[in-house]
Amino acid sequence: QVQLVESGGGLVQAGASLRLSCAASGRTWSSYAMGWFRQAPGKEREFVATISGTNSATGYADSVKGRFTISRDNAQNTVYLQMNILKPEDTAVYYCAARSKYTSRRYEDYDYWGQGTQVTVSS
């Protein structure tokens, strides 16, 4: 029902900014909760940020709060992750995810996933 494609990743130096985009398809896009997760080699996929499909309420992992901002543009069927003051520990593959219910911080709760986009932050 929903197809997701991430873009915007790259290789940057610590302190730089990147904006990730997730283009979504689907008739019920505006009602879906969206999330960003990331996974580094050898580690479990971890929560980064969520945004609801109702009032666009947001939530963030403590590690990115104050630096990252999630937003959505329903007219463009796109969700964004603005990442500022990037740190080497932010290096990971970033995934966009969607679910038809309320927001969740557990990756197991999401129904649809993009292919991921690599973000590498050098020191």
PDB file of N, CA and C in Angstrom:
ATOM      1  N   GLN A   1       0.825  -1.214   0.000  1.00  0.00           N
ATOM      2  CA  GLN A   1       0.000   0.000   0.000  1.00  0.00           C
ATOM      3  C   GLN A   1       0.853   1.255   0.000  1.00  0.00           C
ATOM      4  N   VAL A   2       1.983   1.218   0.683  1.00  0.00           N
ATOM      5  CA  VAL A   2       2.868   2.366   0.785  1.00  0.00           C
ATOM      6  C   VAL A   2       4.269   1.978   0.338  1.00  0.00           C
ATOM      7  N   GLN A   3       4.836   2.784  -0.535  1.00  0.00           N
ATOM      8  CA  GLN A   3       6.204   2.593  -0.990  1.00  0.00           C
ATOM      9  C   GLN A   3       7.019   3.808  -0.579  1.00  0.00           C
ATOM     10  N   LEU A   4       8.205   3.569  -0.043  1.00  0.00           N
ATOM     11  CA  LEU A   4       9.042   4.634   0.476  1.00  0.00           C
ATOM     12  C   LEU A   4      10.418   4.618  -0.173  1.00  0.00           C
ATOM     13  N   VAL A   5      10.918   5.795  -0.522  1.00  0.00           N
ATOM     14  CA  VAL A   5      12.235   5.926  -1.119  1.00  0.00           C
ATOM     15  C   VAL A   5      12.986   7.060  -0.440  1.00  0.00           C
ATOM     16  N   GLU A   6      14.097   6.733   0.234  1.00  0.00           N
ATOM     17  CA  GLU A   6      14.899   7.739   0.919  1.00  0.00           C
ATOM     18  C   GLU A   6      15.950   8.329  -0.015  1.00  0.00           C
ATOM     19  N   SER A   7      16.355   9.559   0.284  1.00  0.00           N
ATOM     20  CA  SER A   7      17.428  10.209  -0.447  1.00  0.00           C
ATOM     21  C   SER A   7      18.028  11.298   0.433  1.00  0.00           C
ATOM     22  N   GLY A   8      19.180  11.812   0.037  1.00  0.00           N
ATOM     23  CA  GLY A   8      19.801  12.913   0.752  1.00  0.00           C
ATOM     24  C   GLY A   8      20.993  12.551   1.606  1.00  0.00           C
ATOM     25  N   GLY A   9      21.310  11.274   1.711  1.00  0.00           N
ATOM     26  CA  GLY A   9      22.461  10.869   2.503  1.00  0.00           C
ATOM     27  C   GLY A   9      23.752  11.264   1.824  1.00  0.00           C
ATOM     28  N   GLY A  10      24.847  11.164   2.564  1.00  0.00           N
ATOM     29  CA  GLY A  10      26.136  11.521   2.006  1.00  0.00           C
ATOM     30  C   GLY A  10      27.233  11.452   3.034  1.00  0.00           C
ATOM     31  N   LEU A  11      28.410  11.893   2.641  1.00  0.00           N
ATOM     32  CA  LEU A  11      29.582  11.917   3.511  1.00  0.00           C
ATOM     33  C   LEU A  11      29.884  13.368   3.860  1.00  0.00           C
ATOM     34  N   VAL A  12      29.843  13.688   5.145  1.00  0.00           N
ATOM     35  CA  VAL A  12      30.094  15.050   5.600  1.00  0.00           C
ATOM     36  C   VAL A  12      31.011  15.047   6.813  1.00  0.00           C
ATOM     37  N   GLN A  13      31.514  16.216   7.153  1.00  0.00           N
ATOM     38  CA  GLN A  13      32.360  16.359   8.328  1.00  0.00           C
ATOM     39  C   GLN A  13      31.524  16.698   9.554  1.00  0.00           C
ATOM     40  N   ALA A  14      32.044  16.405  10.712  1.00  0.00           N
ATOM     41  CA  ALA A  14      31.360  16.710  11.961  1.00  0.00           C
ATOM     42  C   ALA A  14      30.991  18.190  12.010  1.00  0.00           C
ATOM     43  N   GLY A  15      29.765  18.468  12.454  1.00  0.00           N
ATOM     44  CA  GLY A  15      29.289  19.830  12.542  1.00  0.00           C
ATOM     45  C   GLY A  15      28.466  20.268  11.347  1.00  0.00           C
ATOM     46  N   ALA A  16      28.496  19.486  10.280  1.00  0.00           N
ATOM     47  CA  ALA A  16      27.757  19.812   9.070  1.00  0.00           C
ATOM     48  C   ALA A  16      26.285  19.432   9.200  1.00  0.00           C
ATOM     49  N   SER A  17      25.504  19.785   8.184  1.00  0.00           N
ATOM     50  CA  SER A  17      24.077  19.481   8.159  1.00  0.00           C
ATOM     51  C   SER A  17      23.707  18.696   6.914  1.00  0.00           C
ATOM     52  N   LEU A  18      22.658  17.902   7.033  1.00  0.00           N
ATOM     53  CA  LEU A  18      22.093  17.166   5.916  1.00  0.00           C
ATOM     54  C   LEU A  18      20.587  17.137   6.092  1.00  0.00           C
ATOM     55  N   ARG A  19      19.868  17.083   4.990  1.00  0.00           N
ATOM     56  CA  ARG A  19      18.429  16.897   5.055  1.00  0.00           C
ATOM     57  C   ARG A  19      18.056  15.655   4.264  1.00  0.00           C
ATOM     58  N   LEU A  20      17.509  14.682   4.955  1.00  0.00           N
ATOM     59  CA  LEU A  20      17.056  13.461   4.319  1.00  0.00           C
ATOM     60  C   LEU A  20      15.608  13.620   3.884  1.00  0.00           C
ATOM     61  N   SER A  21      15.271  13.005   2.767  1.00  0.00           N
ATOM     62  CA  SER A  21      13.906  13.033   2.262  1.00  0.00           C
ATOM     63  C   SER A  21      13.400  11.616   2.096  1.00  0.00           C
ATOM     64  N   CYS A  22      12.121  11.436   2.307  1.00  0.00           N
ATOM     65  CA  CYS A  22      11.470  10.148   2.115  1.00  0.00           C
ATOM     66  C   CYS A  22      10.221  10.388   1.291  1.00  0.00           C
ATOM     67  N   ALA A  23      10.271   9.978   0.044  1.00  0.00           N
ATOM     68  CA  ALA A  23       9.129  10.131  -0.855  1.00  0.00           C
ATOM     69  C   ALA A  23       8.226   8.919  -0.706  1.00  0.00           C
ATOM     70  N   ALA A  24       6.954   9.175  -0.459  1.00  0.00           N
ATOM     71  CA  ALA A  24       6.000   8.100  -0.212  1.00  0.00           C
ATOM     72  C   ALA A  24       4.873   8.081  -1.229  1.00  0.00           C
ATOM     73  N   SER A  25       4.414   6.890  -1.519  1.00  0.00           N
ATOM     74  CA  SER A  25       3.249   6.709  -2.367  1.00  0.00           C
ATOM     75  C   SER A  25       2.155   6.087  -1.507  1.00  0.00           C
ATOM     76  N   GLY A  26       0.908   6.257  -1.925  1.00  0.00           N
ATOM     77  CA  GLY A  26      -0.183   5.688  -1.160  1.00  0.00           C
ATOM     78  C   GLY A  26      -1.347   6.644  -1.013  1.00  0.00           C
ATOM     79  N   ARG A  27      -2.530   6.124  -1.164  1.00  0.00           N
ATOM     80  CA  ARG A  27      -3.725   6.936  -1.112  1.00  0.00           C
ATOM     81  C   ARG A  27      -3.998   7.494   0.279  1.00  0.00           C
ATOM     82  N   THR A  28      -3.558   6.776   1.310  1.00  0.00           N
ATOM     83  CA  THR A  28      -3.824   7.173   2.688  1.00  0.00           C
ATOM     84  C   THR A  28      -2.613   7.787   3.380  1.00  0.00           C
ATOM     85  N   TRP A  29      -1.724   8.390   2.617  1.00  0.00           N
ATOM     86  CA  TRP A  29      -0.493   8.961   3.132  1.00  0.00           C
ATOM     87  C   TRP A  29      -0.695   9.856   4.353  1.00  0.00           C
ATOM     88  N   SER A  30      -1.605  10.794   4.283  1.00  0.00           N
ATOM     89  CA  SER A  30      -1.771  11.775   5.344  1.00  0.00           C
ATOM     90  C   SER A  30      -2.182  11.181   6.682  1.00  0.00           C
ATOM     91  N   SER A  31      -2.715   9.980   6.691  1.00  0.00           N
ATOM     92  CA  SER A  31      -3.161   9.353   7.928  1.00  0.00           C
ATOM     93  C   SER A  31      -2.114   8.435   8.555  1.00  0.00           C
ATOM     94  N   TYR A  32      -0.999   8.235   7.869  1.00  0.00           N
ATOM     95  CA  TYR A  32       0.045   7.338   8.362  1.00  0.00           C
ATOM     96  C   TYR A  32       1.021   8.039   9.293  1.00  0.00           C
ATOM     97  N   ALA A  33       1.393   7.341  10.349  1.00  0.00           N
ATOM     98  CA  ALA A  33       2.467   7.809  11.202  1.00  0.00           C
ATOM     99  C   ALA A  33       3.779   7.450  10.510  1.00  0.00           C
ATOM    100  N   MET A  34       4.765   8.315  10.607  1.00  0.00           N
ATOM    101  CA  MET A  34       6.047   8.095   9.952  1.00  0.00           C
ATOM    102  C   MET A  34       7.174   8.108  10.968  1.00  0.00           C
ATOM    103  N   GLY A  35       8.212   7.366  10.659  1.00  0.00           N
ATOM    104  CA  GLY A  35       9.354   7.331  11.555  1.00  0.00           C
ATOM    105  C   GLY A  35      10.664   7.263  10.803  1.00  0.00           C
ATOM    106  N   TRP A  36      11.711   7.736  11.450  1.00  0.00           N
ATOM    107  CA  TRP A  36      13.071   7.581  10.953  1.00  0.00           C
ATOM    108  C   TRP A  36      13.826   6.697  11.941  1.00  0.00           C
ATOM    109  N   PHE A  37      14.526   5.722  11.407  1.00  0.00           N
ATOM    110  CA  PHE A  37      15.361   4.834  12.197  1.00  0.00           C
ATOM    111  C   PHE A  37      16.736   4.786  11.564  1.00  0.00           C
ATOM    112  N   ARG A  38      17.712   4.319  12.310  1.00  0.00           N
ATOM    113  CA  ARG A  38      19.048   4.191  11.753  1.00  0.00           C
ATOM    114  C   ARG A  38      19.705   2.922  12.264  1.00  0.00           C
ATOM    115  N   GLN A  39      20.644   2.422  11.480  1.00  0.00           N
ATOM    116  CA  GLN A  39      21.332   1.199  11.842  1.00  0.00           C
ATOM    117  C   GLN A  39      22.794   1.264  11.432  1.00  0.00           C
ATOM    118  N   ALA A  40      23.664   1.110  12.407  1.00  0.00           N
ATOM    119  CA  ALA A  40      25.093   1.063  12.167  1.00  0.00           C
ATOM    120  C   ALA A  40      25.520  -0.401  12.092  1.00  0.00           C
ATOM    121  N   PRO A  41      26.642  -0.700  11.439  1.00  0.00           N
ATOM    122  CA  PRO A  41      27.104  -2.083  11.319  1.00  0.00           C
ATOM    123  C   PRO A  41      27.232  -2.771  12.676  1.00  0.00           C
ATOM    124  N   GLY A  42      26.663  -3.965  12.789  1.00  0.00           N
ATOM    125  CA  GLY A  42      26.747  -4.721  14.025  1.00  0.00           C
ATOM    126  C   GLY A  42      25.804  -4.285  15.117  1.00  0.00           C
ATOM    127  N   LYS A  43      24.979  -3.288  14.856  1.00  0.00           N
ATOM    128  CA  LYS A  43      24.047  -2.796  15.860  1.00  0.00           C
ATOM    129  C   LYS A  43      22.599  -2.985  15.421  1.00  0.00           C
ATOM    130  N   GLU A  44      21.711  -2.976  16.399  1.00  0.00           N
ATOM    131  CA  GLU A  44      20.291  -3.097  16.134  1.00  0.00           C
ATOM    132  C   GLU A  44      19.754  -1.781  15.592  1.00  0.00           C
ATOM    133  N   ARG A  45      18.736  -1.872  14.769  1.00  0.00           N
ATOM    134  CA  ARG A  45      18.102  -0.678  14.238  1.00  0.00           C
ATOM    135  C   ARG A  45      17.506   0.127  15.391  1.00  0.00           C
ATOM    136  N   GLU A  46      17.813   1.415  15.442  1.00  0.00           N
ATOM    137  CA  GLU A  46      17.362   2.236  16.548  1.00  0.00           C
ATOM    138  C   GLU A  46      16.488   3.407  16.108  1.00  0.00           C
ATOM    139  N   PHE A  47      15.617   3.798  17.002  1.00  0.00           N
ATOM    140  CA  PHE A  47      14.696   4.891  16.781  1.00  0.00           C
ATOM    141  C   PHE A  47      15.419   6.225  16.695  1.00  0.00           C
ATOM    142  N   VAL A  48      14.959   7.086  15.792  1.00  0.00           N
ATOM    143  CA  VAL A  48      15.507   8.428  15.651  1.00  0.00           C
ATOM    144  C   VAL A  48      14.424   9.477  15.885  1.00  0.00           C
ATOM    145  N   ALA A  49      13.330   9.398  15.130  1.00  0.00           N
ATOM    146  CA  ALA A  49      12.267  10.393  15.237  1.00  0.00           C
ATOM    147  C   ALA A  49      10.967   9.863  14.665  1.00  0.00           C
ATOM    148  N   THR A  50       9.839  10.408  15.138  1.00  0.00           N
ATOM    149  CA  THR A  50       8.529  10.053  14.616  1.00  0.00           C
ATOM    150  C   THR A  50       7.697  11.306  14.406  1.00  0.00           C
ATOM    151  N   ILE A  51       6.707  11.193  13.531  1.00  0.00           N
ATOM    152  CA  ILE A  51       5.745  12.266  13.326  1.00  0.00           C
ATOM    153  C   ILE A  51       4.396  11.617  13.055  1.00  0.00           C
ATOM    154  N   SER A  52       3.351  12.093  13.727  1.00  0.00           N
ATOM    155  CA  SER A  52       2.040  11.487  13.610  1.00  0.00           C
ATOM    156  C   SER A  52       1.351  11.868  12.310  1.00  0.00           C
ATOM    157  N   GLY A  53       0.356  11.073  11.948  1.00  0.00           N
ATOM    158  CA  GLY A  53      -0.407  11.337  10.738  1.00  0.00           C
ATOM    159  C   GLY A  53      -1.654  12.154  11.006  1.00  0.00           C
ATOM    160  N   THR A  54      -1.889  12.516  12.238  1.00  0.00           N
ATOM    161  CA  THR A  54      -3.063  13.293  12.613  1.00  0.00           C
ATOM    162  C   THR A  54      -2.725  14.765  12.797  1.00  0.00           C
ATOM    163  N   ASN A  55      -2.037  15.081  13.890  1.00  0.00           N
ATOM    164  CA  ASN A  55      -1.697  16.484  14.174  1.00  0.00           C
ATOM    165  C   ASN A  55      -0.209  16.787  13.979  1.00  0.00           C
ATOM    166  N   SER A  56       0.522  15.859  13.363  1.00  0.00           N
ATOM    167  CA  SER A  56       1.953  16.016  13.102  1.00  0.00           C
ATOM    168  C   SER A  56       2.772  16.198  14.368  1.00  0.00           C
ATOM    169  N   ALA A  57       2.324  15.580  15.453  1.00  0.00           N
ATOM    170  CA  ALA A  57       3.091  15.609  16.696  1.00  0.00           C
ATOM    171  C   ALA A  57       4.394  14.857  16.476  1.00  0.00           C
ATOM    172  N   THR A  58       5.469  15.342  17.071  1.00  0.00           N
ATOM    173  CA  THR A  58       6.788  14.749  16.856  1.00  0.00           C
ATOM    174  C   THR A  58       7.393  14.191  18.134  1.00  0.00           C
ATOM    175  N   GLY A  59       8.323  13.272  17.952  1.00  0.00           N
ATOM    176  CA  GLY A  59       9.049  12.697  19.061  1.00  0.00           C
ATOM    177  C   GLY A  59      10.458  12.375  18.603  1.00  0.00           C
ATOM    178  N   TYR A  60      11.428  12.447  19.526  1.00  0.00           N
ATOM    179  CA  TYR A  60      12.822  12.246  19.173  1.00  0.00           C
ATOM    180  C   TYR A  60      13.559  11.392  20.187  1.00  0.00           C
ATOM    181  N   ALA A  61      14.570  10.704  19.702  1.00  0.00           N
ATOM    182  CA  ALA A  61      15.475  10.001  20.593  1.00  0.00           C
ATOM    183  C   ALA A  61      16.307  11.050  21.325  1.00  0.00           C
ATOM    184  N   ASP A  62      16.680  10.763  22.562  1.00  0.00           N
ATOM    185  CA  ASP A  62      17.458  11.721  23.344  1.00  0.00           C
ATOM    186  C   ASP A  62      18.775  12.090  22.657  1.00  0.00           C
ATOM    187  N   SER A  63      19.344  11.158  21.927  1.00  0.00           N
ATOM    188  CA  SER A  63      20.629  11.382  21.289  1.00  0.00           C
ATOM    189  C   SER A  63      20.598  12.409  20.161  1.00  0.00           C
ATOM    190  N   VAL A  64      19.407  12.682  19.619  1.00  0.00           N
ATOM    191  CA  VAL A  64      19.303  13.626  18.506  1.00  0.00           C
ATOM    192  C   VAL A  64      18.442  14.841  18.828  1.00  0.00           C
ATOM    193  N   LYS A  65      17.781  14.835  19.962  1.00  0.00           N
ATOM    194  CA  LYS A  65      16.897  15.926  20.336  1.00  0.00           C
ATOM    195  C   LYS A  65      17.667  17.243  20.397  1.00  0.00           C
ATOM    196  N   GLY A  66      17.122  18.261  19.738  1.00  0.00           N
ATOM    197  CA  GLY A  66      17.778  19.553  19.688  1.00  0.00           C
ATOM    198  C   GLY A  66      18.651  19.729  18.469  1.00  0.00           C
ATOM    199  N   ARG A  67      18.970  18.629  17.784  1.00  0.00           N
ATOM    200  CA  ARG A  67      19.803  18.690  16.581  1.00  0.00           C
ATOM    201  C   ARG A  67      19.026  18.293  15.320  1.00  0.00           C
ATOM    202  N   PHE A  68      18.132  17.326  15.458  1.00  0.00           N
ATOM    203  CA  PHE A  68      17.366  16.820  14.324  1.00  0.00           C
ATOM    204  C   PHE A  68      15.923  17.309  14.385  1.00  0.00           C
ATOM    205  N   THR A  69      15.312  17.497  13.221  1.00  0.00           N
ATOM    206  CA  THR A  69      13.923  17.901  13.131  1.00  0.00           C
ATOM    207  C   THR A  69      13.211  17.082  12.065  1.00  0.00           C
ATOM    208  N   ILE A  70      12.120  16.429  12.447  1.00  0.00           N
ATOM    209  CA  ILE A  70      11.323  15.675  11.494  1.00  0.00           C
ATOM    210  C   ILE A  70      10.125  16.526  11.086  1.00  0.00           C
ATOM    211  N   SER A  71       9.754  16.463   9.824  1.00  0.00           N
ATOM    212  CA  SER A  71       8.606  17.208   9.331  1.00  0.00           C
ATOM    213  C   SER A  71       7.999  16.460   8.155  1.00  0.00           C
ATOM    214  N   ARG A  72       6.806  16.861   7.757  1.00  0.00           N
ATOM    215  CA  ARG A  72       6.173  16.222   6.611  1.00  0.00           C
ATOM    216  C   ARG A  72       5.444  17.238   5.766  1.00  0.00           C
ATOM    217  N   ASP A  73       5.397  16.973   4.475  1.00  0.00           N
ATOM    218  CA  ASP A  73       4.685  17.797   3.517  1.00  0.00           C
ATOM    219  C   ASP A  73       3.723  16.862   2.800  1.00  0.00           C
ATOM    220  N   ASN A  74       2.489  16.852   3.254  1.00  0.00           N
ATOM    221  CA  ASN A  74       1.510  15.925   2.692  1.00  0.00           C
ATOM    222  C   ASN A  74       1.181  16.210   1.227  1.00  0.00           C
ATOM    223  N   ALA A  75       1.279  17.469   0.821  1.00  0.00           N
ATOM    224  CA  ALA A  75       1.020  17.826  -0.570  1.00  0.00           C
ATOM    225  C   ALA A  75       2.059  17.194  -1.492  1.00  0.00           C
ATOM    226  N   GLN A  76       3.277  17.018  -0.988  1.00  0.00           N
ATOM    227  CA  GLN A  76       4.359  16.422  -1.760  1.00  0.00           C
ATOM    228  C   GLN A  76       4.575  14.950  -1.417  1.00  0.00           C
ATOM    229  N   ASN A  77       3.783  14.431  -0.484  1.00  0.00           N
ATOM    230  CA  ASN A  77       3.921  13.044  -0.037  1.00  0.00           C
ATOM    231  C   ASN A  77       5.356  12.752   0.396  1.00  0.00           C
ATOM    232  N   THR A  78       5.902  13.656   1.193  1.00  0.00           N
ATOM    233  CA  THR A  78       7.295  13.547   1.595  1.00  0.00           C
ATOM    234  C   THR A  78       7.477  13.840   3.078  1.00  0.00           C
ATOM    235  N   VAL A  79       8.337  13.070   3.717  1.00  0.00           N
ATOM    236  CA  VAL A  79       8.720  13.329   5.094  1.00  0.00           C
ATOM    237  C   VAL A  79      10.210  13.655   5.088  1.00  0.00           C
ATOM    238  N   TYR A  80      10.623  14.573   5.958  1.00  0.00           N
ATOM    239  CA  TYR A  80      12.003  15.019   5.992  1.00  0.00           C
ATOM    240  C   TYR A  80      12.637  14.783   7.354  1.00  0.00           C
ATOM    241  N   LEU A  81      13.945  14.701   7.344  1.00  0.00           N
ATOM    242  CA  LEU A  81      14.709  14.681   8.580  1.00  0.00           C
ATOM    243  C   LEU A  81      15.856  15.662   8.399  1.00  0.00           C
ATOM    244  N   GLN A  82      15.721  16.830   9.025  1.00  0.00           N
ATOM    245  CA  GLN A  82      16.782  17.829   8.995  1.00  0.00           C
ATOM    246  C   GLN A  82      17.763  17.491  10.102  1.00  0.00           C
ATOM    247  N   MET A  83      19.007  17.277   9.746  1.00  0.00           N
ATOM    248  CA  MET A  83      20.029  16.881  10.698  1.00  0.00           C
ATOM    249  C   MET A  83      21.095  17.969  10.778  1.00  0.00           C
ATOM    250  N   ASN A  84      21.241  18.564  11.951  1.00  0.00           N
ATOM    251  CA  ASN A  84      22.222  19.615  12.167  1.00  0.00           C
ATOM    252  C   ASN A  84      23.258  19.173  13.188  1.00  0.00           C
ATOM    253  N   ILE A  85      24.398  19.819  13.150  1.00  0.00           N
ATOM    254  CA  ILE A  85      25.498  19.539  14.080  1.00  0.00           C
ATOM    255  C   ILE A  85      25.765  18.037  14.127  1.00  0.00           C
ATOM    256  N   LEU A  86      25.962  17.463  12.978  1.00  0.00           N
ATOM    257  CA  LEU A  86      26.181  16.027  12.881  1.00  0.00           C
ATOM    258  C   LEU A  86      27.459  15.601  13.594  1.00  0.00           C
ATOM    259  N   LYS A  87      27.382  14.426  14.195  1.00  0.00           N
ATOM    260  CA  LYS A  87      28.495  13.854  14.937  1.00  0.00           C
ATOM    261  C   LYS A  87      28.887  12.511  14.326  1.00  0.00           C
ATOM    262  N   PRO A  88      30.126  12.074  14.541  1.00  0.00           N
ATOM    263  CA  PRO A  88      30.545  10.770  14.013  1.00  0.00           C
ATOM    264  C   PRO A  88      29.617   9.635  14.449  1.00  0.00           C
ATOM    265  N   GLU A  89      29.070   9.711  15.650  1.00  0.00           N
ATOM    266  CA  GLU A  89      28.167   8.672  16.130  1.00  0.00           C
ATOM    267  C   GLU A  89      26.817   8.652  15.412  1.00  0.00           C
ATOM    268  N   ASP A  90      26.558   9.642  14.565  1.00  0.00           N
ATOM    269  CA  ASP A  90      25.348   9.652  13.751  1.00  0.00           C
ATOM    270  C   ASP A  90      25.511   8.802  12.500  1.00  0.00           C
ATOM    271  N   THR A  91      26.714   8.334  12.236  1.00  0.00           N
ATOM    272  CA  THR A  91      26.983   7.522  11.060  1.00  0.00           C
ATOM    273  C   THR A  91      26.164   6.238  11.089  1.00  0.00           C
ATOM    274  N   ALA A  92      25.384   6.017  10.035  1.00  0.00           N
ATOM    275  CA  ALA A  92      24.514   4.842   9.953  1.00  0.00           C
ATOM    276  C   ALA A  92      23.745   4.879   8.645  1.00  0.00           C
ATOM    277  N   VAL A  93      23.042   3.800   8.360  1.00  0.00           N
ATOM    278  CA  VAL A  93      22.082   3.798   7.279  1.00  0.00           C
ATOM    279  C   VAL A  93      20.774   4.272   7.884  1.00  0.00           C
ATOM    280  N   TYR A  94      20.167   5.277   7.290  1.00  0.00           N
ATOM    281  CA  TYR A  94      18.925   5.837   7.791  1.00  0.00           C
ATOM    282  C   TYR A  94      17.741   5.325   6.986  1.00  0.00           C
ATOM    283  N   TYR A  95      16.732   4.855   7.695  1.00  0.00           N
ATOM    284  CA  TYR A  95      15.553   4.278   7.075  1.00  0.00           C
ATOM    285  C   TYR A  95      14.298   5.071   7.408  1.00  0.00           C
ATOM    286  N   CYS A  96      13.450   5.222   6.429  1.00  0.00           N
ATOM    287  CA  CYS A  96      12.137   5.814   6.601  1.00  0.00           C
ATOM    288  C   CYS A  96      11.134   4.680   6.753  1.00  0.00           C
ATOM    289  N   ALA A  97      10.167   4.844   7.656  1.00  0.00           N
ATOM    290  CA  ALA A  97       9.180   3.805   7.899  1.00  0.00           C
ATOM    291  C   ALA A  97       7.789   4.405   8.067  1.00  0.00           C
ATOM    292  N   ALA A  98       6.769   3.589   7.814  1.00  0.00           N
ATOM    293  CA  ALA A  98       5.386   4.040   7.920  1.00  0.00           C
ATOM    294  C   ALA A  98       4.510   2.971   8.561  1.00  0.00           C
ATOM    295  N   ARG A  99       3.483   3.424   9.273  1.00  0.00           N
ATOM    296  CA  ARG A  99       2.493   2.525   9.841  1.00  0.00           C
ATOM    297  C   ARG A  99       1.144   3.214   9.861  1.00  0.00           C
ATOM    298  N   SER A 100       0.078   2.443   9.833  1.00  0.00           N
ATOM    299  CA  SER A 100      -1.268   2.998   9.736  1.00  0.00           C
ATOM    300  C   SER A 100      -1.876   3.399  11.074  1.00  0.00           C
ATOM    301  N   LYS A 101      -1.180   3.123  12.167  1.00  0.00           N
ATOM    302  CA  LYS A 101      -1.676   3.468  13.483  1.00  0.00           C
ATOM    303  C   LYS A 101      -0.883   4.624  14.090  1.00  0.00           C
ATOM    304  N   TYR A 102      -0.961   4.738  15.397  1.00  0.00           N
ATOM    305  CA  TYR A 102      -0.265   5.795  16.110  1.00  0.00           C
ATOM    306  C   TYR A 102       1.251   5.618  16.020  1.00  0.00           C
ATOM    307  N   THR A 103       1.999   6.636  16.386  1.00  0.00           N
ATOM    308  CA  THR A 103       3.453   6.578  16.310  1.00  0.00           C
ATOM    309  C   THR A 103       4.021   5.579  17.307  1.00  0.00           C
ATOM    310  N   SER A 104       5.179   5.047  16.971  1.00  0.00           N
ATOM    311  CA  SER A 104       5.861   4.091  17.820  1.00  0.00           C
ATOM    312  C   SER A 104       7.362   4.305  17.710  1.00  0.00           C
ATOM    313  N   ARG A 105       8.078   3.953  18.781  1.00  0.00           N
ATOM    314  CA  ARG A 105       9.533   4.042  18.776  1.00  0.00           C
ATOM    315  C   ARG A 105      10.183   2.684  18.543  1.00  0.00           C
ATOM    316  N   ARG A 106       9.377   1.663  18.311  1.00  0.00           N
ATOM    317  CA  ARG A 106       9.869   0.315  18.062  1.00  0.00           C
ATOM    318  C   ARG A 106       9.797   0.002  16.566  1.00  0.00           C
ATOM    319  N   TYR A 107      10.914  -0.415  16.003  1.00  0.00           N
ATOM    320  CA  TYR A 107      10.921  -0.695  14.564  1.00  0.00           C
ATOM    321  C   TYR A 107      10.007  -1.858  14.193  1.00  0.00           C
ATOM    322  N   GLU A 108       9.766  -2.764  15.151  1.00  0.00           N
ATOM    323  CA  GLU A 108       8.904  -3.913  14.903  1.00  0.00           C
ATOM    324  C   GLU A 108       7.461  -3.509  14.627  1.00  0.00           C
ATOM    325  N   ASP A 109       7.067  -2.315  15.034  1.00  0.00           N
ATOM    326  CA  ASP A 109       5.696  -1.859  14.878  1.00  0.00           C
ATOM    327  C   ASP A 109       5.393  -1.264  13.508  1.00  0.00           C
ATOM    328  N   TYR A 110       6.408  -1.048  12.705  1.00  0.00           N
ATOM    329  CA  TYR A 110       6.206  -0.412  11.402  1.00  0.00           C
ATOM    330  C   TYR A 110       5.990  -1.428  10.293  1.00  0.00           C
ATOM    331  N   ASP A 111       5.115  -1.071   9.369  1.00  0.00           N
ATOM    332  CA  ASP A 111       4.694  -1.975   8.304  1.00  0.00           C
ATOM    333  C   ASP A 111       5.461  -1.808   7.003  1.00  0.00           C
ATOM    334  N   TYR A 112       5.913  -0.606   6.722  1.00  0.00           N
ATOM    335  CA  TYR A 112       6.578  -0.314   5.462  1.00  0.00           C
ATOM    336  C   TYR A 112       7.919   0.353   5.683  1.00  0.00           C
ATOM    337  N   TRP A 113       8.880  -0.017   4.851  1.00  0.00           N
ATOM    338  CA  TRP A 113      10.247   0.492   4.971  1.00  0.00           C
ATOM    339  C   TRP A 113      10.837   0.872   3.629  1.00  0.00           C
ATOM    340  N   GLY A 114      11.679   1.891   3.647  1.00  0.00           N
ATOM    341  CA  GLY A 114      12.427   2.253   2.465  1.00  0.00           C
ATOM    342  C   GLY A 114      13.705   1.433   2.418  1.00  0.00           C
ATOM    343  N   GLN A 115      14.512   1.651   1.378  1.00  0.00           N
ATOM    344  CA  GLN A 115      15.746   0.901   1.196  1.00  0.00           C
ATOM    345  C   GLN A 115      16.901   1.441   2.032  1.00  0.00           C
ATOM    346  N   GLY A 116      16.770   2.655   2.515  1.00  0.00           N
ATOM    347  CA  GLY A 116      17.797   3.254   3.345  1.00  0.00           C
ATOM    348  C   GLY A 116      18.736   4.157   2.567  1.00  0.00           C
ATOM    349  N   THR A 117      19.318   5.122   3.269  1.00  0.00           N
ATOM    350  CA  THR A 117      20.305   6.014   2.674  1.00  0.00           C
ATOM    351  C   THR A 117      21.459   6.172   3.661  1.00  0.00           C
ATOM    352  N   GLN A 118      22.679   6.070   3.163  1.00  0.00           N
ATOM    353  CA  GLN A 118      23.864   6.090   4.011  1.00  0.00           C
ATOM    354  C   GLN A 118      24.248   7.508   4.422  1.00  0.00           C
ATOM    355  N   VAL A 119      24.478   7.687   5.712  1.00  0.00           N
ATOM    356  CA  VAL A 119      24.984   8.943   6.247  1.00  0.00           C
ATOM    357  C   VAL A 119      26.298   8.632   6.953  1.00  0.00           C
ATOM    358  N   THR A 120      27.360   9.280   6.510  1.00  0.00           N
ATOM    359  CA  THR A 120      28.671   9.078   7.111  1.00  0.00           C
ATOM    360  C   THR A 120      29.218  10.420   7.573  1.00  0.00           C
ATOM    361  N   VAL A 121      29.579  10.495   8.837  1.00  0.00           N
ATOM    362  CA  VAL A 121      30.094  11.733   9.420  1.00  0.00           C
ATOM    363  C   VAL A 121      31.523  11.496   9.884  1.00  0.00           C
ATOM    364  N   SER A 122      32.457  12.214   9.305  1.00  0.00           N
ATOM    365  CA  SER A 122      33.858  12.075   9.662  1.00  0.00           C
ATOM    366  C   SER A 122      34.250  13.107  10.707  1.00  0.00           C
ATOM    367  N   SER A 123      35.260  12.782  11.495  1.00  0.00           N
ATOM    368  CA  SER A 123      35.726  13.685  12.534  1.00  0.00           C
ATOM    369  C   SER A 123      36.894  14.522  12.050  1.00  0.00           C
TER     370      SER A 123
END
